[in-house]
């Protein structure tokens, strides 16, 4: 989403009118993301991608569900989930920085490894 702000200043001078146009453009960061495969197995490489990345925005990821956004940076990252004999759910969080900070969370369910 692009937000445009327009301001118009008019100053009347002795010899005529001078118009000043100030255009300010700012982009709202998008925090929507998807991941593939959608139902990963332990050991699969899972790719996470911001669906509409914005220029001049830093994206950080918490992919292992520990609450720290220290598992990757950028609009596309990969992660391999560990082997487990039971189904495991991981809360994945995406954060973005300026110009418009935001965050988004999704649950990744990793299938159980065969016995």
N, C-alpha and C. Protein backbone atom coordinates (compact mmCIF):
# COMPACT_ATOMS: atom_id res chain seq x y z
N UNK A 1 0.84 -1.17 0.00
CA UNK A 1 0.00 0.00 0.00
C UNK A 1 0.89 1.23 0.00
N UNK A 2 0.65 2.14 -0.89
CA UNK A 2 1.40 3.39 -0.96
C UNK A 2 0.50 4.52 -0.50
N UNK A 3 1.00 5.31 0.42
CA UNK A 3 0.26 6.44 0.93
C UNK A 3 0.89 7.70 0.39
N UNK A 4 0.09 8.57 -0.19
CA UNK A 4 0.60 9.83 -0.73
C UNK A 4 0.02 10.98 0.07
N UNK A 5 0.89 11.89 0.46
CA UNK A 5 0.45 13.09 1.14
C UNK A 5 0.80 14.29 0.27
N UNK A 6 -0.16 15.14 0.02
CA UNK A 6 0.07 16.32 -0.79
C UNK A 6 -0.15 17.56 0.07
N UNK A 7 0.75 18.51 -0.08
CA UNK A 7 0.60 19.80 0.60
C UNK A 7 0.81 20.89 -0.44
N UNK A 8 0.01 21.90 -0.36
CA UNK A 8 0.10 23.01 -1.31
C UNK A 8 0.23 24.30 -0.52
N UNK A 9 1.27 25.04 -0.81
CA UNK A 9 1.46 26.34 -0.16
C UNK A 9 1.44 27.42 -1.24
N UNK A 10 0.67 28.44 -1.03
CA UNK A 10 0.56 29.54 -2.00
C UNK A 10 1.08 30.81 -1.33
N UNK A 11 1.96 31.48 -2.03
CA UNK A 11 2.48 32.75 -1.53
C UNK A 11 2.28 33.80 -2.61
N UNK A 12 1.64 34.87 -2.29
CA UNK A 12 1.40 35.94 -3.26
C UNK A 12 2.54 36.95 -3.19
N UNK A 13 3.16 37.15 -4.32
CA UNK A 13 4.26 38.10 -4.41
C UNK A 13 3.80 39.33 -5.20
N UNK A 14 4.61 40.37 -5.21
CA UNK A 14 4.29 41.60 -5.93
C UNK A 14 4.14 41.33 -7.42
N UNK A 15 4.96 40.46 -7.97
CA UNK A 15 4.97 40.20 -9.42
C UNK A 15 4.15 38.97 -9.83
N UNK A 16 3.39 38.37 -8.97
CA UNK A 16 2.60 37.21 -9.35
C UNK A 16 2.42 36.23 -8.19
N UNK A 17 2.00 35.07 -8.54
CA UNK A 17 1.75 34.02 -7.56
C UNK A 17 2.78 32.90 -7.75
N UNK A 18 3.35 32.43 -6.67
CA UNK A 18 4.29 31.31 -6.69
C UNK A 18 3.62 30.14 -5.98
N UNK A 19 3.56 29.03 -6.63
CA UNK A 19 2.98 27.82 -6.03
C UNK A 19 4.10 26.87 -5.62
N UNK A 20 4.02 26.33 -4.43
CA UNK A 20 4.98 25.34 -3.94
C UNK A 20 4.26 24.02 -3.76
N UNK A 21 4.77 22.98 -4.37
CA UNK A 21 4.20 21.65 -4.20
C UNK A 21 5.18 20.79 -3.42
N UNK A 22 4.70 20.17 -2.40
CA UNK A 22 5.52 19.24 -1.62
C UNK A 22 4.81 17.89 -1.68
N UNK A 23 5.48 16.90 -2.23
CA UNK A 23 4.90 15.55 -2.32
C UNK A 23 5.72 14.63 -1.42
N UNK A 24 5.04 13.99 -0.50
CA UNK A 24 5.68 13.05 0.41
C UNK A 24 5.11 11.67 0.11
N UNK A 25 5.99 10.73 -0.18
CA UNK A 25 5.55 9.35 -0.44
C UNK A 25 6.13 8.46 0.65
N UNK A 26 5.29 7.60 1.17
CA UNK A 26 5.77 6.63 2.13
C UNK A 26 5.08 5.30 1.87
N UNK A 27 5.82 4.24 2.07
CA UNK A 27 5.28 2.89 1.86
C UNK A 27 4.99 2.26 3.21
N UNK A 28 3.88 1.58 3.29
CA UNK A 28 3.54 0.85 4.50
C UNK A 28 4.10 -0.56 4.38
N UNK A 29 4.91 -0.95 5.35
CA UNK A 29 5.53 -2.28 5.31
C UNK A 29 4.47 -3.36 5.36
N UNK A 30 4.71 -4.42 4.64
CA UNK A 30 3.81 -5.56 4.61
C UNK A 30 4.42 -6.69 5.41
N UNK A 31 3.65 -7.28 6.27
CA UNK A 31 4.15 -8.37 7.10
C UNK A 31 3.49 -9.70 6.78
N UNK A 32 2.89 -9.80 5.65
CA UNK A 32 2.30 -11.08 5.26
C UNK A 32 3.40 -11.96 4.69
N UNK A 33 3.35 -13.26 5.03
CA UNK A 33 4.34 -14.18 4.50
C UNK A 33 3.71 -15.54 4.29
N UNK A 34 4.36 -16.33 3.45
CA UNK A 34 3.94 -17.72 3.25
C UNK A 34 5.15 -18.61 3.41
N UNK A 35 4.91 -19.91 3.47
CA UNK A 35 6.02 -20.85 3.59
C UNK A 35 5.70 -22.12 2.81
N UNK A 36 6.76 -22.72 2.29
CA UNK A 36 6.64 -23.98 1.55
C UNK A 36 7.77 -24.91 1.98
N UNK A 37 7.52 -26.19 2.09
CA UNK A 37 6.21 -26.83 1.94
C UNK A 37 5.28 -26.46 3.09
N UNK A 38 3.99 -26.57 2.84
CA UNK A 38 2.99 -26.20 3.82
C UNK A 38 2.88 -27.14 4.99
N UNK A 39 3.20 -28.41 4.80
CA UNK A 39 3.17 -29.42 5.87
C UNK A 39 4.52 -30.13 5.90
N UNK A 40 5.54 -29.47 6.43
CA UNK A 40 6.88 -30.05 6.36
C UNK A 40 7.08 -31.26 7.26
N UNK A 41 8.00 -32.09 6.82
CA UNK A 41 8.47 -33.21 7.62
C UNK A 41 9.78 -32.79 8.29
N UNK A 42 10.15 -33.45 9.39
CA UNK A 42 11.44 -33.13 10.00
C UNK A 42 12.56 -33.30 8.98
N UNK A 43 13.47 -32.35 8.95
CA UNK A 43 14.58 -32.41 8.01
C UNK A 43 14.32 -31.70 6.70
N UNK A 44 13.06 -31.38 6.40
CA UNK A 44 12.75 -30.61 5.18
C UNK A 44 13.27 -29.19 5.31
N UNK A 45 13.76 -28.64 4.21
CA UNK A 45 14.12 -27.23 4.17
C UNK A 45 12.83 -26.45 3.88
N UNK A 46 12.46 -25.56 4.80
CA UNK A 46 11.24 -24.77 4.65
C UNK A 46 11.66 -23.36 4.25
N UNK A 47 11.02 -22.84 3.20
CA UNK A 47 11.31 -21.49 2.71
C UNK A 47 10.18 -20.56 3.12
N UNK A 48 10.55 -19.45 3.76
CA UNK A 48 9.62 -18.43 4.20
C UNK A 48 9.84 -17.20 3.33
N UNK A 49 8.74 -16.63 2.81
CA UNK A 49 8.85 -15.50 1.89
C UNK A 49 7.82 -14.43 2.23
N UNK A 50 8.27 -13.18 2.34
CA UNK A 50 7.36 -12.05 2.51
C UNK A 50 6.58 -11.92 1.21
N UNK A 51 5.26 -11.83 1.28
CA UNK A 51 4.43 -11.84 0.07
C UNK A 51 4.51 -10.55 -0.73
N UNK A 52 4.79 -9.43 -0.10
CA UNK A 52 4.89 -8.16 -0.82
C UNK A 52 5.98 -7.31 -0.18
N UNK A 53 7.26 -7.69 -0.36
CA UNK A 53 8.32 -6.96 0.33
C UNK A 53 8.43 -5.52 -0.16
N UNK A 54 8.81 -4.64 0.75
CA UNK A 54 8.96 -3.22 0.46
C UNK A 54 10.44 -2.86 0.43
N UNK A 55 10.79 -1.92 -0.42
CA UNK A 55 12.17 -1.43 -0.47
C UNK A 55 12.51 -0.71 0.82
N UNK A 56 13.78 -0.72 1.17
CA UNK A 56 14.30 -0.02 2.35
C UNK A 56 13.66 -0.50 3.65
N UNK A 57 13.27 -1.76 3.70
CA UNK A 57 12.68 -2.36 4.89
C UNK A 57 13.53 -3.55 5.30
N UNK A 58 13.85 -3.64 6.58
CA UNK A 58 14.59 -4.78 7.10
C UNK A 58 13.61 -5.76 7.71
N UNK A 59 13.72 -7.03 7.32
CA UNK A 59 12.87 -8.08 7.85
C UNK A 59 13.72 -9.00 8.72
N UNK A 60 13.22 -9.32 9.93
CA UNK A 60 13.88 -10.26 10.81
C UNK A 60 12.90 -11.36 11.19
N UNK A 61 13.41 -12.55 11.46
CA UNK A 61 12.58 -13.74 11.64
C UNK A 61 12.90 -14.48 12.94
N UNK A 62 11.86 -14.98 13.59
CA UNK A 62 11.97 -15.99 14.64
C UNK A 62 11.36 -17.24 14.04
N UNK A 63 12.18 -18.20 13.65
CA UNK A 63 11.72 -19.40 12.96
C UNK A 63 11.60 -20.61 13.88
N UNK A 64 12.29 -20.57 15.03
CA UNK A 64 12.27 -21.73 15.93
C UNK A 64 11.34 -21.55 17.12
N UNK A 65 10.63 -20.43 17.18
CA UNK A 65 9.62 -20.23 18.21
C UNK A 65 10.17 -19.90 19.59
N UNK A 66 11.43 -19.46 19.67
CA UNK A 66 12.01 -19.15 20.98
C UNK A 66 11.77 -17.70 21.41
N UNK A 67 11.11 -16.91 20.57
CA UNK A 67 10.80 -15.53 20.91
C UNK A 67 11.85 -14.52 20.50
N UNK A 68 12.97 -14.98 19.96
CA UNK A 68 14.03 -14.06 19.53
C UNK A 68 14.08 -14.02 18.01
N UNK A 69 14.05 -12.83 17.46
CA UNK A 69 14.11 -12.67 16.00
C UNK A 69 15.57 -12.72 15.55
N UNK A 70 16.17 -13.89 15.70
CA UNK A 70 17.59 -14.05 15.39
C UNK A 70 17.87 -15.20 14.44
N UNK A 71 16.83 -15.68 13.74
CA UNK A 71 17.00 -16.86 12.89
C UNK A 71 17.15 -16.54 11.41
N UNK A 72 17.05 -15.29 11.04
CA UNK A 72 17.23 -14.91 9.64
C UNK A 72 16.85 -13.47 9.40
N UNK A 73 17.39 -12.92 8.32
CA UNK A 73 17.04 -11.57 7.90
C UNK A 73 16.81 -11.58 6.41
N UNK A 74 15.97 -10.67 5.96
CA UNK A 74 15.67 -10.56 4.54
C UNK A 74 14.25 -10.96 4.24
N UNK A 75 13.85 -10.76 2.99
CA UNK A 75 12.46 -11.05 2.59
C UNK A 75 12.22 -12.52 2.29
N UNK A 76 13.29 -13.32 2.21
CA UNK A 76 13.15 -14.76 2.00
C UNK A 76 14.25 -15.47 2.78
N UNK A 77 13.85 -16.43 3.61
CA UNK A 77 14.80 -17.19 4.42
C UNK A 77 14.42 -18.67 4.41
N UNK A 78 15.36 -19.52 4.79
CA UNK A 78 15.08 -20.96 4.89
C UNK A 78 15.42 -21.44 6.29
N UNK A 79 14.78 -22.54 6.67
CA UNK A 79 15.03 -23.13 7.99
C UNK A 79 14.73 -24.63 7.90
N UNK A 80 15.51 -25.42 8.61
CA UNK A 80 15.29 -26.87 8.68
C UNK A 80 14.91 -27.22 10.11
N UNK A 81 13.74 -27.82 10.28
CA UNK A 81 13.27 -28.18 11.62
C UNK A 81 13.84 -29.53 12.03
N UNK A 82 14.12 -29.69 13.33
CA UNK A 82 14.78 -30.92 13.79
C UNK A 82 13.85 -32.13 13.76
N UNK A 83 14.47 -33.30 13.82
CA UNK A 83 13.72 -34.54 13.86
C UNK A 83 13.05 -34.70 15.21
N UNK A 84 11.83 -35.23 15.18
CA UNK A 84 11.06 -35.49 16.39
C UNK A 84 10.11 -36.65 16.10
N UNK A 85 9.86 -37.48 17.10
CA UNK A 85 8.93 -38.60 16.91
C UNK A 85 7.48 -38.19 17.17
N UNK A 86 7.27 -36.91 17.50
CA UNK A 86 5.91 -36.41 17.67
C UNK A 86 5.74 -35.13 16.84
N UNK A 87 4.49 -34.82 16.56
CA UNK A 87 4.18 -33.59 15.82
C UNK A 87 4.65 -32.39 16.66
N UNK A 88 5.25 -31.41 16.00
CA UNK A 88 5.73 -30.22 16.71
C UNK A 88 5.18 -28.97 16.04
N UNK A 89 4.70 -28.03 16.85
CA UNK A 89 4.20 -26.74 16.37
C UNK A 89 5.20 -25.66 16.72
N UNK A 90 5.51 -24.82 15.74
CA UNK A 90 6.44 -23.71 15.92
C UNK A 90 5.74 -22.41 15.55
N UNK A 91 5.82 -21.43 16.45
CA UNK A 91 5.27 -20.10 16.16
C UNK A 91 6.35 -19.32 15.42
N UNK A 92 6.11 -19.01 14.15
CA UNK A 92 7.06 -18.26 13.33
C UNK A 92 6.61 -16.81 13.32
N UNK A 93 7.56 -15.91 13.61
CA UNK A 93 7.23 -14.49 13.65
C UNK A 93 8.13 -13.72 12.70
N UNK A 94 7.50 -12.84 11.93
CA UNK A 94 8.19 -11.92 11.04
C UNK A 94 8.04 -10.51 11.59
N UNK A 95 9.14 -9.78 11.70
CA UNK A 95 9.12 -8.37 12.10
C UNK A 95 9.73 -7.55 10.99
N UNK A 96 9.25 -6.33 10.82
CA UNK A 96 9.85 -5.42 9.85
C UNK A 96 10.15 -4.11 10.54
N UNK A 97 11.14 -3.40 9.96
CA UNK A 97 11.54 -2.11 10.51
C UNK A 97 10.94 -0.99 9.68
N UNK A 98 11.47 0.21 9.87
CA UNK A 98 11.00 1.40 9.16
C UNK A 98 10.87 1.12 7.68
N UNK A 99 10.01 1.79 6.95
CA UNK A 99 9.34 3.01 7.37
C UNK A 99 8.09 2.78 8.23
N UNK A 100 7.47 1.62 8.17
CA UNK A 100 6.28 1.34 8.97
C UNK A 100 6.44 -0.02 9.64
N UNK A 101 6.93 -0.04 10.88
CA UNK A 101 7.15 -1.32 11.56
C UNK A 101 5.86 -2.12 11.70
N UNK A 102 5.99 -3.44 11.56
CA UNK A 102 4.85 -4.33 11.76
C UNK A 102 5.37 -5.73 12.03
N UNK A 103 4.46 -6.63 12.40
CA UNK A 103 4.84 -8.01 12.64
C UNK A 103 3.68 -8.92 12.28
N UNK A 104 4.02 -10.19 12.05
CA UNK A 104 3.03 -11.19 11.70
C UNK A 104 3.49 -12.53 12.24
N UNK A 105 2.54 -13.36 12.67
CA UNK A 105 2.86 -14.67 13.24
C UNK A 105 2.02 -15.74 12.58
N UNK A 106 2.64 -16.88 12.30
CA UNK A 106 1.94 -18.06 11.80
C UNK A 106 2.49 -19.29 12.50
N UNK A 107 1.69 -20.33 12.57
CA UNK A 107 2.13 -21.60 13.16
C UNK A 107 2.54 -22.55 12.05
N UNK A 108 3.72 -23.14 12.21
CA UNK A 108 4.20 -24.18 11.31
C UNK A 108 4.10 -25.49 12.06
N UNK A 109 3.36 -26.43 11.51
CA UNK A 109 3.24 -27.76 12.12
C UNK A 109 4.14 -28.72 11.37
N UNK A 110 5.12 -29.27 12.09
CA UNK A 110 6.06 -30.22 11.51
C UNK A 110 5.61 -31.62 11.88
N UNK A 111 5.47 -32.46 10.85
CA UNK A 111 5.01 -33.84 11.06
C UNK A 111 6.00 -34.61 11.91
N UNK A 112 5.52 -35.68 12.49
CA UNK A 112 6.38 -36.56 13.27
C UNK A 112 7.22 -37.42 12.34
N UNK A 113 8.45 -37.68 12.74
CA UNK A 113 9.32 -38.56 11.98
C UNK A 113 8.85 -40.00 12.20
N UNK A 114 8.97 -40.85 11.18
CA UNK A 114 8.58 -42.25 11.38
C UNK A 114 9.48 -42.92 12.41
N UNK A 115 8.91 -43.85 13.13
CA UNK A 115 9.72 -44.59 14.15
C UNK A 115 10.76 -45.45 13.52
